[in-house]
Amino acid sequence: MPPRWPRQPDRKTDPEFRRLEDLINFAVHVGVYAATNSGLWFVHIIKSTQWPWLLWINGIWFGILVLHFIYIKAIADYSSIKT
């Protein structure tokens, strides 16, 4: 059963909802990263391919994930915005 939000969600005025939405977005990002890269490495190992770009893709994408995490935890301002 999906979690229920105790009030009408509004990204502009509800900082808790914005934070939760950003964390869910990050979790989806991590899931796509894990699924894609594990699939690429699986094919690389099984087929004995010569993909020199594979390590670069993993490293760059992981760096983007780290920046995304830093943004959510340290940079994003989740203070209440009243319109």
C-alpha atoms as a PDB file:
ATOM      1  CA  MET A   1       0.000   0.000   0.000  1.00  0.00           C
ATOM      2  CA  PRO A   2       1.493   3.355  -0.966  1.00  0.00           C
ATOM      3  CA  PRO A   3       2.127   5.934   1.751  1.00  0.00           C
ATOM      4  CA  ARG A   4      -0.598   8.506   2.267  1.00  0.00           C
ATOM      5  CA  TRP A   5       0.086  12.204   2.628  1.00  0.00           C
ATOM      6  CA  PRO A   6      -1.904  13.696   5.565  1.00  0.00           C
ATOM      7  CA  ARG A   7      -2.925  16.806   3.590  1.00  0.00           C
ATOM      8  CA  GLN A   8      -3.323  17.991   0.032  1.00  0.00           C
ATOM      9  CA  PRO A   9       0.227  17.910  -1.439  1.00  0.00           C
ATOM     10  CA  ASP A  10       1.500  21.161  -2.885  1.00  0.00           C
ATOM     11  CA  ARG A  11       5.105  21.444  -4.046  1.00  0.00           C
ATOM     12  CA  LYS A  12       5.170  25.235  -3.758  1.00  0.00           C
ATOM     13  CA  THR A  13       3.984  25.603  -0.167  1.00  0.00           C
ATOM     14  CA  ASP A  14       4.789  22.276   1.502  1.00  0.00           C
ATOM     15  CA  PRO A  15       8.522  21.853   2.237  1.00  0.00           C
ATOM     16  CA  GLU A  16       8.100  18.333   3.659  1.00  0.00           C
ATOM     17  CA  PHE A  17       6.401  17.211   0.458  1.00  0.00           C
ATOM     18  CA  ARG A  18       9.137  18.811  -1.692  1.00  0.00           C
ATOM     19  CA  ARG A  19      11.815  17.014   0.319  1.00  0.00           C
ATOM     20  CA  LEU A  20      10.001  13.677   0.039  1.00  0.00           C
ATOM     21  CA  GLU A  21       9.465  14.187  -3.690  1.00  0.00           C
ATOM     22  CA  ASP A  22      13.171  14.956  -4.178  1.00  0.00           C
ATOM     23  CA  LEU A  23      14.183  11.858  -2.199  1.00  0.00           C
ATOM     24  CA  ILE A  24      11.844   9.665  -4.261  1.00  0.00           C
ATOM     25  CA  ASN A  25      13.277  11.185  -7.441  1.00  0.00           C
ATOM     26  CA  PHE A  26      16.781  10.372  -6.178  1.00  0.00           C
ATOM     27  CA  ALA A  27      15.749   6.784  -5.376  1.00  0.00           C
ATOM     28  CA  VAL A  28      14.403   6.361  -8.910  1.00  0.00           C
ATOM     29  CA  HIS A  29      17.669   7.809 -10.267  1.00  0.00           C
ATOM     30  CA  VAL A  30      19.683   5.277  -8.229  1.00  0.00           C
ATOM     31  CA  GLY A  31      17.439   2.431  -9.419  1.00  0.00           C
ATOM     32  CA  VAL A  32      17.847   3.353 -13.086  1.00  0.00           C
ATOM     33  CA  TYR A  33      21.618   3.680 -12.576  1.00  0.00           C
ATOM     34  CA  ALA A  34      21.845   0.263 -10.904  1.00  0.00           C
ATOM     35  CA  ALA A  35      19.663  -1.519 -13.452  1.00  0.00           C
ATOM     36  CA  THR A  36      21.335   0.030 -16.499  1.00  0.00           C
ATOM     37  CA  ASN A  37      24.913  -0.397 -15.360  1.00  0.00           C
ATOM     38  CA  SER A  38      24.443  -3.912 -14.035  1.00  0.00           C
ATOM     39  CA  GLY A  39      22.905  -4.859 -17.378  1.00  0.00           C
ATOM     40  CA  LEU A  40      25.776  -3.289 -19.297  1.00  0.00           C
ATOM     41  CA  TRP A  41      28.378  -5.042 -17.145  1.00  0.00           C
ATOM     42  CA  PHE A  42      26.518  -8.334 -17.460  1.00  0.00           C
ATOM     43  CA  VAL A  43      26.596  -8.142 -21.258  1.00  0.00           C
ATOM     44  CA  HIS A  44      30.212  -6.947 -21.168  1.00  0.00           C
ATOM     45  CA  ILE A  45      31.308  -9.945 -19.084  1.00  0.00           C
ATOM     46  CA  ILE A  46      29.164 -12.610 -20.783  1.00  0.00           C
ATOM     47  CA  LYS A  47      29.999 -11.522 -24.345  1.00  0.00           C
ATOM     48  CA  SER A  48      33.644 -10.581 -23.587  1.00  0.00           C
ATOM     49  CA  THR A  49      33.131  -7.258 -25.335  1.00  0.00           C
ATOM     50  CA  GLN A  50      35.722  -4.534 -25.729  1.00  0.00           C
ATOM     51  CA  TRP A  51      33.889  -1.497 -24.345  1.00  0.00           C
ATOM     52  CA  PRO A  52      36.473   0.996 -23.077  1.00  0.00           C
ATOM     53  CA  TRP A  53      33.704   3.564 -22.568  1.00  0.00           C
ATOM     54  CA  LEU A  54      31.863   1.430 -20.006  1.00  0.00           C
ATOM     55  CA  LEU A  55      34.018   2.448 -17.051  1.00  0.00           C
ATOM     56  CA  TRP A  56      33.710   6.125 -18.069  1.00  0.00           C
ATOM     57  CA  ILE A  57      29.916   5.893 -18.246  1.00  0.00           C
ATOM     58  CA  ASN A  58      29.812   4.291 -14.801  1.00  0.00           C
ATOM     59  CA  GLY A  59      32.120   6.876 -13.280  1.00  0.00           C
ATOM     60  CA  ILE A  60      30.444   9.921 -14.801  1.00  0.00           C
ATOM     61  CA  TRP A  61      26.956   8.715 -13.952  1.00  0.00           C
ATOM     62  CA  PHE A  62      28.057   7.875 -10.398  1.00  0.00           C
ATOM     63  CA  GLY A  63      29.493  11.382 -10.093  1.00  0.00           C
ATOM     64  CA  ILE A  64      26.143  12.814 -11.184  1.00  0.00           C
ATOM     65  CA  LEU A  65      24.433  10.656  -8.540  1.00  0.00           C
ATOM     66  CA  VAL A  66      26.783  11.987  -5.871  1.00  0.00           C
ATOM     67  CA  LEU A  67      26.059  15.572  -6.958  1.00  0.00           C
ATOM     68  CA  HIS A  68      22.325  14.831  -6.886  1.00  0.00           C
ATOM     69  CA  PHE A  69      22.660  13.468  -3.334  1.00  0.00           C
ATOM     70  CA  ILE A  70      24.700  16.477  -2.201  1.00  0.00           C
ATOM     71  CA  TYR A  71      22.091  18.803  -3.671  1.00  0.00           C
ATOM     72  CA  ILE A  72      19.260  17.064  -1.800  1.00  0.00           C
ATOM     73  CA  LYS A  73      21.067  16.823   1.530  1.00  0.00           C
ATOM     74  CA  ALA A  74      23.083  20.047   1.646  1.00  0.00           C
ATOM     75  CA  ILE A  75      22.077  22.600  -0.966  1.00  0.00           C
ATOM     76  CA  ALA A  76      18.306  22.386  -1.467  1.00  0.00           C
ATOM     77  CA  ASP A  77      16.316  24.879   0.568  1.00  0.00           C
ATOM     78  CA  TYR A  78      13.201  23.232   1.940  1.00  0.00           C
ATOM     79  CA  SER A  79      12.005  26.202   3.922  1.00  0.00           C
ATOM     80  CA  SER A  80       8.374  27.087   3.583  1.00  0.00           C
ATOM     81  CA  ILE A  81       7.458  29.360   0.674  1.00  0.00           C
ATOM     82  CA  LYS A  82       4.230  31.308   1.123  1.00  0.00           C
ATOM     83  CA  THR A  83       2.591  32.693  -2.003  1.00  0.00           C
END
